PDB file of N, CA and C in Angstrom:
ATOM      1  N   UNK A   1     -13.683   3.230 -75.196  1.00  0.00           N
ATOM      2  CA  UNK A   1     -13.495   3.200 -73.754  1.00  0.00           C
ATOM      3  C   UNK A   1     -14.601   4.015 -73.085  1.00  0.00           C
ATOM      4  N   UNK A   2     -14.967   3.580 -71.912  1.00  0.00           N
ATOM      5  CA  UNK A   2     -15.943   4.320 -71.128  1.00  0.00           C
ATOM      6  C   UNK A   2     -15.493   4.323 -69.673  1.00  0.00           C
ATOM      7  N   UNK A   3     -16.038   5.246 -68.920  1.00  0.00           N
ATOM      8  CA  UNK A   3     -15.691   5.345 -67.510  1.00  0.00           C
ATOM      9  C   UNK A   3     -16.819   4.793 -66.657  1.00  0.00           C
ATOM     10  N   UNK A   4     -16.429   4.059 -65.623  1.00  0.00           N
ATOM     11  CA  UNK A   4     -17.370   3.599 -64.615  1.00  0.00           C
ATOM     12  C   UNK A   4     -16.745   3.880 -63.254  1.00  0.00           C
ATOM     13  N   UNK A   5     -17.555   3.823 -62.247  1.00  0.00           N
ATOM     14  CA  UNK A   5     -17.046   3.919 -60.877  1.00  0.00           C
ATOM     15  C   UNK A   5     -16.891   2.499 -60.329  1.00  0.00           C
ATOM     16  N   UNK A   6     -15.943   2.325 -59.450  1.00  0.00           N
ATOM     17  CA  UNK A   6     -15.707   1.012 -58.872  1.00  0.00           C
ATOM     18  C   UNK A   6     -16.983   0.448 -58.243  1.00  0.00           C
ATOM     19  N   UNK A   7     -17.795   1.303 -57.627  1.00  0.00           N
ATOM     20  CA  UNK A   7     -19.024   0.813 -56.989  1.00  0.00           C
ATOM     21  C   UNK A   7     -20.013   0.209 -57.981  1.00  0.00           C
ATOM     22  N   UNK A   8     -19.823   0.452 -59.289  1.00  0.00           N
ATOM     23  CA  UNK A   8     -20.691  -0.156 -60.298  1.00  0.00           C
ATOM     24  C   UNK A   8     -20.433  -1.660 -60.433  1.00  0.00           C
ATOM     25  N   UNK A   9     -19.213  -2.099 -60.114  1.00  0.00           N
ATOM     26  CA  UNK A   9     -18.859  -3.510 -60.294  1.00  0.00           C
ATOM     27  C   UNK A   9     -18.420  -4.181 -58.997  1.00  0.00           C
ATOM     28  N   UNK A  10     -18.404  -3.418 -57.897  1.00  0.00           N
ATOM     29  CA  UNK A  10     -17.910  -3.973 -56.634  1.00  0.00           C
ATOM     30  C   UNK A  10     -18.631  -3.347 -55.448  1.00  0.00           C
ATOM     31  N   UNK A  11     -18.527  -4.025 -54.332  1.00  0.00           N
ATOM     32  CA  UNK A  11     -18.964  -3.440 -53.069  1.00  0.00           C
ATOM     33  C   UNK A  11     -17.813  -3.609 -52.093  1.00  0.00           C
ATOM     34  N   UNK A  12     -17.850  -2.908 -50.992  1.00  0.00           N
ATOM     35  CA  UNK A  12     -16.715  -2.951 -50.092  1.00  0.00           C
ATOM     36  C   UNK A  12     -17.084  -2.929 -48.632  1.00  0.00           C
ATOM     37  N   UNK A  13     -16.106  -3.301 -47.831  1.00  0.00           N
ATOM     38  CA  UNK A  13     -16.181  -3.212 -46.379  1.00  0.00           C
ATOM     39  C   UNK A  13     -14.901  -2.534 -45.941  1.00  0.00           C
ATOM     40  N   UNK A  14     -14.981  -1.715 -44.936  1.00  0.00           N
ATOM     41  CA  UNK A  14     -13.783  -0.991 -44.529  1.00  0.00           C
ATOM     42  C   UNK A  14     -13.743  -0.777 -43.028  1.00  0.00           C
ATOM     43  N   UNK A  15     -12.563  -0.445 -42.572  1.00  0.00           N
ATOM     44  CA  UNK A  15     -12.370  -0.183 -41.165  1.00  0.00           C
ATOM     45  C   UNK A  15     -11.038   0.502 -40.946  1.00  0.00           C
ATOM     46  N   UNK A  16     -10.682   0.692 -39.687  1.00  0.00           N
ATOM     47  CA  UNK A  16      -9.420   1.356 -39.385  1.00  0.00           C
ATOM     48  C   UNK A  16      -8.877   0.847 -38.066  1.00  0.00           C
ATOM     49  N   UNK A  17      -7.594   1.003 -37.919  1.00  0.00           N
ATOM     50  CA  UNK A  17      -6.907   0.715 -36.666  1.00  0.00           C
ATOM     51  C   UNK A  17      -5.759   1.700 -36.580  1.00  0.00           C
ATOM     52  N   UNK A  18      -5.858   2.645 -35.666  1.00  0.00           N
ATOM     53  CA  UNK A  18      -4.823   3.664 -35.566  1.00  0.00           C
ATOM     54  C   UNK A  18      -4.773   4.497 -36.839  1.00  0.00           C
ATOM     55  N   UNK A  19      -3.612   4.526 -37.462  1.00  0.00           N
ATOM     56  CA  UNK A  19      -3.397   5.315 -38.670  1.00  0.00           C
ATOM     57  C   UNK A  19      -3.454   4.447 -39.937  1.00  0.00           C
ATOM     58  N   UNK A  20      -4.013   3.252 -39.815  1.00  0.00           N
ATOM     59  CA  UNK A  20      -4.096   2.325 -40.940  1.00  0.00           C
ATOM     60  C   UNK A  20      -5.554   2.121 -41.337  1.00  0.00           C
ATOM     61  N   UNK A  21      -5.814   2.265 -42.636  1.00  0.00           N
ATOM     62  CA  UNK A  21      -7.152   2.025 -43.174  1.00  0.00           C
ATOM     63  C   UNK A  21      -7.139   0.714 -43.939  1.00  0.00           C
ATOM     64  N   UNK A  22      -8.207  -0.029 -43.801  1.00  0.00           N
ATOM     65  CA  UNK A  22      -8.340  -1.329 -44.441  1.00  0.00           C
ATOM     66  C   UNK A  22      -9.631  -1.319 -45.257  1.00  0.00           C
ATOM     67  N   UNK A  23      -9.522  -1.595 -46.570  1.00  0.00           N
ATOM     68  CA  UNK A  23     -10.704  -1.641 -47.427  1.00  0.00           C
ATOM     69  C   UNK A  23     -10.701  -2.956 -48.190  1.00  0.00           C
ATOM     70  N   UNK A  24     -11.780  -3.708 -48.045  1.00  0.00           N
ATOM     71  CA  UNK A  24     -11.960  -4.937 -48.810  1.00  0.00           C
ATOM     72  C   UNK A  24     -12.922  -4.639 -49.953  1.00  0.00           C
ATOM     73  N   UNK A  25     -12.534  -5.045 -51.156  1.00  0.00           N
ATOM     74  CA  UNK A  25     -13.303  -4.803 -52.366  1.00  0.00           C
ATOM     75  C   UNK A  25     -13.734  -6.153 -52.919  1.00  0.00           C
ATOM     76  N   UNK A  26     -15.039  -6.348 -53.096  1.00  0.00           N
ATOM     77  CA  UNK A  26     -15.582  -7.615 -53.583  1.00  0.00           C
ATOM     78  C   UNK A  26     -16.307  -7.394 -54.905  1.00  0.00           C
ATOM     79  N   UNK A  27     -15.977  -8.213 -55.893  1.00  0.00           N
ATOM     80  CA  UNK A  27     -16.651  -8.136 -57.192  1.00  0.00           C
ATOM     81  C   UNK A  27     -18.131  -8.466 -57.019  1.00  0.00           C
ATOM     82  N   UNK A  28     -18.985  -7.698 -57.658  1.00  0.00           N
ATOM     83  CA  UNK A  28     -20.427  -7.976 -57.598  1.00  0.00           C
ATOM     84  C   UNK A  28     -20.776  -9.236 -58.380  1.00  0.00           C
ATOM     85  N   UNK A  29     -20.044  -9.484 -59.465  1.00  0.00           N
ATOM     86  CA  UNK A  29     -20.267 -10.671 -60.293  1.00  0.00           C
ATOM     87  C   UNK A  29     -18.930 -11.376 -60.481  1.00  0.00           C
ATOM     88  N   UNK A  30     -18.909 -12.691 -60.577  1.00  0.00           N
ATOM     89  CA  UNK A  30     -17.639 -13.408 -60.749  1.00  0.00           C
ATOM     90  C   UNK A  30     -16.816 -12.899 -61.932  1.00  0.00           C
ATOM     91  N   UNK A  31     -17.465 -12.509 -63.003  1.00  0.00           N
ATOM     92  CA  UNK A  31     -16.730 -12.046 -64.180  1.00  0.00           C
ATOM     93  C   UNK A  31     -16.052 -10.689 -63.966  1.00  0.00           C
ATOM     94  N   UNK A  32     -16.438  -9.960 -62.936  1.00  0.00           N
ATOM     95  CA  UNK A  32     -15.812  -8.663 -62.661  1.00  0.00           C
ATOM     96  C   UNK A  32     -14.533  -8.790 -61.835  1.00  0.00           C
ATOM     97  N   UNK A  33     -14.303  -9.960 -61.256  1.00  0.00           N
ATOM     98  CA  UNK A  33     -13.107 -10.165 -60.434  1.00  0.00           C
ATOM     99  C   UNK A  33     -11.833  -9.870 -61.236  1.00  0.00           C
ATOM    100  N   UNK A  34     -11.727 -10.417 -62.426  1.00  0.00           N
ATOM    101  CA  UNK A  34     -10.526 -10.232 -63.244  1.00  0.00           C
ATOM    102  C   UNK A  34     -10.349  -8.766 -63.642  1.00  0.00           C
ATOM    103  N   UNK A  35     -11.432  -8.081 -63.935  1.00  0.00           N
ATOM    104  CA  UNK A  35     -11.374  -6.665 -64.274  1.00  0.00           C
ATOM    105  C   UNK A  35     -10.817  -5.861 -63.095  1.00  0.00           C
ATOM    106  N   UNK A  36     -11.302  -6.136 -61.915  1.00  0.00           N
ATOM    107  CA  UNK A  36     -10.813  -5.451 -60.719  1.00  0.00           C
ATOM    108  C   UNK A  36      -9.348  -5.795 -60.487  1.00  0.00           C
ATOM    109  N   UNK A  37      -8.984  -7.062 -60.642  1.00  0.00           N
ATOM    110  CA  UNK A  37      -7.593  -7.486 -60.447  1.00  0.00           C
ATOM    111  C   UNK A  37      -6.655  -6.712 -61.373  1.00  0.00           C
ATOM    112  N   UNK A  38      -7.097  -6.512 -62.596  1.00  0.00           N
ATOM    113  CA  UNK A  38      -6.271  -5.842 -63.601  1.00  0.00           C
ATOM    114  C   UNK A  38      -6.219  -4.321 -63.403  1.00  0.00           C
ATOM    115  N   UNK A  39      -7.331  -3.706 -63.030  1.00  0.00           N
ATOM    116  CA  UNK A  39      -7.414  -2.245 -63.000  1.00  0.00           C
ATOM    117  C   UNK A  39      -7.166  -1.601 -61.637  1.00  0.00           C
ATOM    118  N   UNK A  40      -7.491  -2.298 -60.573  1.00  0.00           N
ATOM    119  CA  UNK A  40      -7.376  -1.690 -59.239  1.00  0.00           C
ATOM    120  C   UNK A  40      -6.065  -2.159 -58.605  1.00  0.00           C
ATOM    121  N   UNK A  41      -4.996  -1.556 -59.093  1.00  0.00           N
ATOM    122  CA  UNK A  41      -3.652  -1.888 -58.625  1.00  0.00           C
ATOM    123  C   UNK A  41      -3.259  -0.989 -57.461  1.00  0.00           C
ATOM    124  N   UNK A  42      -2.193  -1.346 -56.803  1.00  0.00           N
ATOM    125  CA  UNK A  42      -1.669  -0.508 -55.723  1.00  0.00           C
ATOM    126  C   UNK A  42      -1.340   0.890 -56.262  1.00  0.00           C
ATOM    127  N   UNK A  43      -0.742   0.945 -57.439  1.00  0.00           N
ATOM    128  CA  UNK A  43      -0.380   2.230 -58.032  1.00  0.00           C
ATOM    129  C   UNK A  43      -1.624   3.072 -58.321  1.00  0.00           C
ATOM    130  N   UNK A  44      -2.661   2.427 -58.794  1.00  0.00           N
ATOM    131  CA  UNK A  44      -3.914   3.133 -59.109  1.00  0.00           C
ATOM    132  C   UNK A  44      -4.571   3.653 -57.834  1.00  0.00           C
ATOM    133  N   UNK A  45      -4.548   2.855 -56.784  1.00  0.00           N
ATOM    134  CA  UNK A  45      -5.126   3.269 -55.500  1.00  0.00           C
ATOM    135  C   UNK A  45      -4.325   4.445 -54.929  1.00  0.00           C
ATOM    136  N   UNK A  46      -3.002   4.365 -55.015  1.00  0.00           N
ATOM    137  CA  UNK A  46      -2.152   5.451 -54.526  1.00  0.00           C
ATOM    138  C   UNK A  46      -2.465   6.751 -55.274  1.00  0.00           C
ATOM    139  N   UNK A  47      -2.628   6.662 -56.593  1.00  0.00           N
ATOM    140  CA  UNK A  47      -2.967   7.847 -57.390  1.00  0.00           C
ATOM    141  C   UNK A  47      -4.347   8.383 -57.020  1.00  0.00           C
ATOM    142  N   UNK A  48      -5.294   7.493 -56.755  1.00  0.00           N
ATOM    143  CA  UNK A  48      -6.653   7.900 -56.409  1.00  0.00           C
ATOM    144  C   UNK A  48      -6.681   8.705 -55.104  1.00  0.00           C
ATOM    145  N   UNK A  49      -5.927   8.259 -54.110  1.00  0.00           N
ATOM    146  CA  UNK A  49      -5.940   8.928 -52.813  1.00  0.00           C
ATOM    147  C   UNK A  49      -4.917  10.051 -52.695  1.00  0.00           C
ATOM    148  N   UNK A  50      -3.934  10.079 -53.579  1.00  0.00           N
ATOM    149  CA  UNK A  50      -2.930  11.141 -53.539  1.00  0.00           C
ATOM    150  C   UNK A  50      -2.218  11.197 -52.201  1.00  0.00           C
ATOM    151  N   UNK A  51      -2.020  12.405 -51.681  1.00  0.00           N
ATOM    152  CA  UNK A  51      -1.262  12.543 -50.437  1.00  0.00           C
ATOM    153  C   UNK A  51      -2.067  12.220 -49.177  1.00  0.00           C
ATOM    154  N   UNK A  52      -3.315  11.798 -49.339  1.00  0.00           N
ATOM    155  CA  UNK A  52      -4.071  11.339 -48.157  1.00  0.00           C
ATOM    156  C   UNK A  52      -3.450  10.082 -47.568  1.00  0.00           C
ATOM    157  N   UNK A  53      -2.901   9.220 -48.431  1.00  0.00           N
ATOM    158  CA  UNK A  53      -2.235   8.000 -47.974  1.00  0.00           C
ATOM    159  C   UNK A  53      -0.739   8.242 -48.094  1.00  0.00           C
ATOM    160  N   UNK A  54      -0.099   8.396 -46.965  1.00  0.00           N
ATOM    161  CA  UNK A  54       1.324   8.759 -46.946  1.00  0.00           C
ATOM    162  C   UNK A  54       2.240   7.550 -46.838  1.00  0.00           C
ATOM    163  N   UNK A  55       1.691   6.396 -46.543  1.00  0.00           N
ATOM    164  CA  UNK A  55       2.517   5.198 -46.387  1.00  0.00           C
ATOM    165  C   UNK A  55       2.279   4.190 -47.492  1.00  0.00           C
ATOM    166  N   UNK A  56       2.778   3.002 -47.255  1.00  0.00           N
ATOM    167  CA  UNK A  56       2.638   1.917 -48.221  1.00  0.00           C
ATOM    168  C   UNK A  56       1.196   1.437 -48.308  1.00  0.00           C
ATOM    169  N   UNK A  57       0.862   0.916 -49.472  1.00  0.00           N
ATOM    170  CA  UNK A  57      -0.408   0.239 -49.687  1.00  0.00           C
ATOM    171  C   UNK A  57      -0.088  -1.197 -50.063  1.00  0.00           C
ATOM    172  N   UNK A  58      -0.742  -2.131 -49.407  1.00  0.00           N
ATOM    173  CA  UNK A  58      -0.541  -3.546 -49.699  1.00  0.00           C
ATOM    174  C   UNK A  58      -1.871  -4.117 -50.170  1.00  0.00           C
ATOM    175  N   UNK A  59      -1.828  -4.856 -51.288  1.00  0.00           N
ATOM    176  CA  UNK A  59      -3.040  -5.496 -51.815  1.00  0.00           C
ATOM    177  C   UNK A  59      -2.921  -7.000 -51.627  1.00  0.00           C
ATOM    178  N   UNK A  60      -3.935  -7.571 -51.002  1.00  0.00           N
ATOM    179  CA  UNK A  60      -4.014  -9.018 -50.830  1.00  0.00           C
ATOM    180  C   UNK A  60      -5.162  -9.528 -51.697  1.00  0.00           C
ATOM    181  N   UNK A  61      -4.882 -10.522 -52.515  1.00  0.00           N
ATOM    182  CA  UNK A  61      -5.929 -11.124 -53.338  1.00  0.00           C
ATOM    183  C   UNK A  61      -6.605 -12.238 -52.550  1.00  0.00           C
ATOM    184  N   UNK A  62      -7.926 -12.276 -52.630  1.00  0.00           N
ATOM    185  CA  UNK A  62      -8.714 -13.301 -51.948  1.00  0.00           C
ATOM    186  C   UNK A  62      -9.675 -13.902 -52.972  1.00  0.00           C
ATOM    187  N   UNK A  63      -9.143 -14.709 -53.915  1.00  0.00           N
ATOM    188  CA  UNK A  63      -9.986 -15.217 -55.001  1.00  0.00           C
ATOM    189  C   UNK A  63     -11.148 -16.082 -54.535  1.00  0.00           C
ATOM    190  N   UNK A  64     -10.991 -16.775 -53.422  1.00  0.00           N
ATOM    191  CA  UNK A  64     -12.087 -17.620 -52.929  1.00  0.00           C
ATOM    192  C   UNK A  64     -13.312 -16.802 -52.545  1.00  0.00           C
ATOM    193  N   UNK A  65     -13.110 -15.510 -52.258  1.00  0.00           N
ATOM    194  CA  UNK A  65     -14.217 -14.612 -51.921  1.00  0.00           C
ATOM    195  C   UNK A  65     -14.508 -13.618 -53.043  1.00  0.00           C
ATOM    196  N   UNK A  66     -13.757 -13.717 -54.137  1.00  0.00           N
ATOM    197  CA  UNK A  66     -13.948 -12.787 -55.245  1.00  0.00           C
ATOM    198  C   UNK A  66     -13.563 -11.373 -54.885  1.00  0.00           C
ATOM    199  N   UNK A  67     -12.522 -11.235 -54.067  1.00  0.00           N
ATOM    200  CA  UNK A  67     -12.197  -9.892 -53.618  1.00  0.00           C
ATOM    201  C   UNK A  67     -10.732  -9.633 -53.361  1.00  0.00           C
ATOM    202  N   UNK A  68     -10.496  -8.445 -52.828  1.00  0.00           N
ATOM    203  CA  UNK A  68      -9.157  -7.950 -52.539  1.00  0.00           C
ATOM    204  C   UNK A  68      -9.205  -7.182 -51.236  1.00  0.00           C
ATOM    205  N   UNK A  69      -8.133  -7.262 -50.486  1.00  0.00           N
ATOM    206  CA  UNK A  69      -8.019  -6.498 -49.251  1.00  0.00           C
ATOM    207  C   UNK A  69      -6.881  -5.503 -49.436  1.00  0.00           C
ATOM    208  N   UNK A  70      -7.178  -4.226 -49.308  1.00  0.00           N
ATOM    209  CA  UNK A  70      -6.174  -3.171 -49.424  1.00  0.00           C
ATOM    210  C   UNK A  70      -5.909  -2.611 -48.029  1.00  0.00           C
ATOM    211  N   UNK A  71      -4.646  -2.656 -47.624  1.00  0.00           N
ATOM    212  CA  UNK A  71      -4.236  -2.097 -46.340  1.00  0.00           C
ATOM    213  C   UNK A  71      -3.404  -0.859 -46.645  1.00  0.00           C
ATOM    214  N   UNK A  72      -3.879   0.286 -46.175  1.00  0.00           N
ATOM    215  CA  UNK A  72      -3.241   1.570 -46.462  1.00  0.00           C
ATOM    216  C   UNK A  72      -2.671   2.155 -45.167  1.00  0.00           C
ATOM    217  N   UNK A  73      -1.343   2.211 -45.113  1.00  0.00           N
ATOM    218  CA  UNK A  73      -0.641   2.698 -43.924  1.00  0.00           C
ATOM    219  C   UNK A  73      -0.486   4.210 -43.969  1.00  0.00           C
ATOM    220  N   UNK A  74      -0.511   4.815 -42.798  1.00  0.00           N
ATOM    221  CA  UNK A  74      -0.395   6.277 -42.660  1.00  0.00           C
ATOM    222  C   UNK A  74      -1.436   6.960 -43.550  1.00  0.00           C
ATOM    223  N   UNK A  75      -2.668   6.516 -43.371  1.00  0.00           N
ATOM    224  CA  UNK A  75      -3.755   6.977 -44.232  1.00  0.00           C
ATOM    225  C   UNK A  75      -4.794   7.821 -43.515  1.00  0.00           C
ATOM    226  N   UNK A  76      -4.682   7.951 -42.211  1.00  0.00           N
ATOM    227  CA  UNK A  76      -5.751   8.607 -41.461  1.00  0.00           C
ATOM    228  C   UNK A  76      -5.267   9.804 -40.651  1.00  0.00           C
ATOM    229  N   UNK A  77      -4.230  10.445 -41.147  1.00  0.00           N
ATOM    230  CA  UNK A  77      -3.750  11.662 -40.481  1.00  0.00           C
ATOM    231  C   UNK A  77      -3.278  11.436 -39.064  1.00  0.00           C
ATOM    232  N   UNK A  78      -2.763  10.251 -38.776  1.00  0.00           N
ATOM    233  CA  UNK A  78      -2.277   9.930 -37.437  1.00  0.00           C
ATOM    234  C   UNK A  78      -3.254   9.111 -36.618  1.00  0.00           C
ATOM    235  N   UNK A  79      -4.466   8.940 -37.089  1.00  0.00           N
ATOM    236  CA  UNK A  79      -5.479   8.197 -36.349  1.00  0.00           C
ATOM    237  C   UNK A  79      -6.499   9.137 -35.725  1.00  0.00           C
ATOM    238  N   UNK A  80      -7.562   8.584 -35.255  1.00  0.00           N
ATOM    239  CA  UNK A  80      -8.701   9.372 -34.778  1.00  0.00           C
ATOM    240  C   UNK A  80      -8.349  10.367 -33.683  1.00  0.00           C
ATOM    241  N   UNK A  81      -7.427  10.016 -32.808  1.00  0.00           N
ATOM    242  CA  UNK A  81      -7.120  10.920 -31.695  1.00  0.00           C
ATOM    243  C   UNK A  81      -6.047  11.951 -32.022  1.00  0.00           C
ATOM    244  N   UNK A  82      -5.401  11.835 -33.188  1.00  0.00           N
ATOM    245  CA  UNK A  82      -4.318  12.751 -33.542  1.00  0.00           C
ATOM    246  C   UNK A  82      -4.613  13.638 -34.744  1.00  0.00           C
ATOM    247  N   UNK A  83      -5.572  13.285 -35.535  1.00  0.00           N
ATOM    248  CA  UNK A  83      -5.800  13.958 -36.805  1.00  0.00           C
ATOM    249  C   UNK A  83      -6.662  15.209 -36.665  1.00  0.00           C
ATOM    250  N   UNK A  84      -6.421  16.144 -37.568  1.00  0.00           N
ATOM    251  CA  UNK A  84      -7.267  17.335 -37.648  1.00  0.00           C
ATOM    252  C   UNK A  84      -8.368  17.159 -38.696  1.00  0.00           C
ATOM    253  N   UNK A  85      -8.374  16.018 -39.375  1.00  0.00           N
ATOM    254  CA  UNK A  85      -9.420  15.763 -40.365  1.00  0.00           C
ATOM    255  C   UNK A  85     -10.770  15.666 -39.668  1.00  0.00           C
ATOM    256  N   UNK A  86     -11.804  16.079 -40.381  1.00  0.00           N
ATOM    257  CA  UNK A  86     -13.147  16.037 -39.825  1.00  0.00           C
ATOM    258  C   UNK A  86     -13.601  14.610 -39.558  1.00  0.00           C
ATOM    259  N   UNK A  87     -13.326  13.706 -40.507  1.00  0.00           N
ATOM    260  CA  UNK A  87     -13.754  12.317 -40.361  1.00  0.00           C
ATOM    261  C   UNK A  87     -12.629  11.413 -40.825  1.00  0.00           C
ATOM    262  N   UNK A  88     -11.934  10.806 -39.891  1.00  0.00           N
ATOM    263  CA  UNK A  88     -10.765   9.998 -40.227  1.00  0.00           C
ATOM    264  C   UNK A  88     -11.059   8.507 -40.240  1.00  0.00           C
ATOM    265  N   UNK A  89     -12.280   8.132 -40.007  1.00  0.00           N
ATOM    266  CA  UNK A  89     -12.589   6.719 -39.898  1.00  0.00           C
ATOM    267  C   UNK A  89     -12.438   5.987 -41.222  1.00  0.00           C
ATOM    268  N   UNK A  90     -12.116   4.705 -41.120  1.00  0.00           N
ATOM    269  CA  UNK A  90     -11.963   3.869 -42.304  1.00  0.00           C
ATOM    270  C   UNK A  90     -13.221   3.782 -43.147  1.00  0.00           C
ATOM    271  N   UNK A  91     -14.380   3.984 -42.548  1.00  0.00           N
ATOM    272  CA  UNK A  91     -15.633   3.940 -43.321  1.00  0.00           C
ATOM    273  C   UNK A  91     -15.632   5.006 -44.410  1.00  0.00           C
ATOM    274  N   UNK A  92     -15.116   6.171 -44.093  1.00  0.00           N
ATOM    275  CA  UNK A  92     -15.031   7.235 -45.086  1.00  0.00           C
ATOM    276  C   UNK A  92     -14.071   6.855 -46.200  1.00  0.00           C
ATOM    277  N   UNK A  93     -12.975   6.196 -45.846  1.00  0.00           N
ATOM    278  CA  UNK A  93     -12.011   5.763 -46.853  1.00  0.00           C
ATOM    279  C   UNK A  93     -12.644   4.725 -47.779  1.00  0.00           C
ATOM    280  N   UNK A  94     -13.470   3.851 -47.229  1.00  0.00           N
ATOM    281  CA  UNK A  94     -14.149   2.849 -48.056  1.00  0.00           C
ATOM    282  C   UNK A  94     -15.079   3.499 -49.059  1.00  0.00           C
ATOM    283  N   UNK A  95     -15.798   4.505 -48.632  1.00  0.00           N
ATOM    284  CA  UNK A  95     -16.696   5.225 -49.528  1.00  0.00           C
ATOM    285  C   UNK A  95     -15.913   5.934 -50.622  1.00  0.00           C
ATOM    286  N   UNK A  96     -14.816   6.584 -50.248  1.00  0.00           N
ATOM    287  CA  UNK A  96     -13.968   7.260 -51.227  1.00  0.00           C
ATOM    288  C   UNK A  96     -13.360   6.262 -52.205  1.00  0.00           C
ATOM    289  N   UNK A  97     -12.985   5.097 -51.709  1.00  0.00           N
ATOM    290  CA  UNK A  97     -12.409   4.045 -52.552  1.00  0.00           C
ATOM    291  C   UNK A  97     -13.407   3.626 -53.632  1.00  0.00           C
ATOM    292  N   UNK A  98     -14.670   3.469 -53.251  1.00  0.00           N
ATOM    293  CA  UNK A  98     -15.692   3.008 -54.193  1.00  0.00           C
ATOM    294  C   UNK A  98     -16.008   4.040 -55.274  1.00  0.00           C
ATOM    295  N   UNK A  99     -15.605   5.294 -55.063  1.00  0.00           N
ATOM    296  CA  UNK A  99     -15.822   6.334 -56.071  1.00  0.00           C
ATOM    297  C   UNK A  99     -14.702   6.393 -57.118  1.00  0.00           C
ATOM    298  N   UNK A 100     -13.735   5.485 -57.013  1.00  0.00           N
ATOM    299  CA  UNK A 100     -12.631   5.451 -57.980  1.00  0.00           C
ATOM    300  C   UNK A 100     -13.180   5.263 -59.395  1.00  0.00           C
ATOM    301  N   UNK A 101     -12.678   6.067 -60.333  1.00  0.00           N
ATOM    302  CA  UNK A 101     -13.099   5.980 -61.729  1.00  0.00           C
ATOM    303  C   UNK A 101     -12.194   5.001 -62.461  1.00  0.00           C
ATOM    304  N   UNK A 102     -12.806   4.084 -63.213  1.00  0.00           N
ATOM    305  CA  UNK A 102     -12.081   3.081 -63.995  1.00  0.00           C
ATOM    306  C   UNK A 102     -12.392   3.254 -65.470  1.00  0.00           C
ATOM    307  N   UNK A 103     -11.382   3.079 -66.292  1.00  0.00           N
ATOM    308  CA  UNK A 103     -11.551   3.105 -67.747  1.00  0.00           C
ATOM    309  C   UNK A 103     -11.708   1.663 -68.221  1.00  0.00           C
ATOM    310  N   UNK A 104     -12.853   1.346 -68.815  1.00  0.00           N
ATOM    311  CA  UNK A 104     -13.104  -0.010 -69.297  1.00  0.00           C
ATOM    312  C   UNK A 104     -13.441   0.025 -70.779  1.00  0.00           C
ATOM    313  N   UNK A 105     -13.170  -1.079 -71.441  1.00  0.00           N
ATOM    314  CA  UNK A 105     -13.498  -1.176 -72.866  1.00  0.00           C
ATOM    315  C   UNK A 105     -14.992  -1.311 -73.024  1.00  0.00           C
ATOM    316  N   UNK A 106     -15.515  -0.709 -74.105  1.00  0.00           N
ATOM    317  CA  UNK A 106     -16.943  -0.842 -74.402  1.00  0.00           C
ATOM    318  C   UNK A 106     -17.258  -2.291 -74.724  1.00  0.00           C
ATOM    319  N   UNK A 107     -18.444  -2.712 -74.324  1.00  0.00           N
ATOM    320  CA  UNK A 107     -18.862  -4.099 -74.563  1.00  0.00           C
ATOM    321  C   UNK A 107     -19.104  -4.371 -76.025  1.00  0.00           C
TER     322      UNK A 107
END
């Protein structure tokens, strides 16, 4: 087994609306889609963010685009106008998401 970061096999787009963060994760190569589907679960995302995401996380599969859309509720400390966090924008959440460490089998 070896460790990689999600950004090694995927790229993402992210945004926010109020206290909800939205991160779309797209496989860099078609063969990485299944790996992401298997390893980047709602439970894994919840563990990665810990108590930063206080609400539900919903994962939507978008196979036609080779990606996934993760919607994380109560993830931004109340939203930009309510939070004491330095940077509550969804862009920061997307960057943090891409730093997720994955355990993969050696080739």
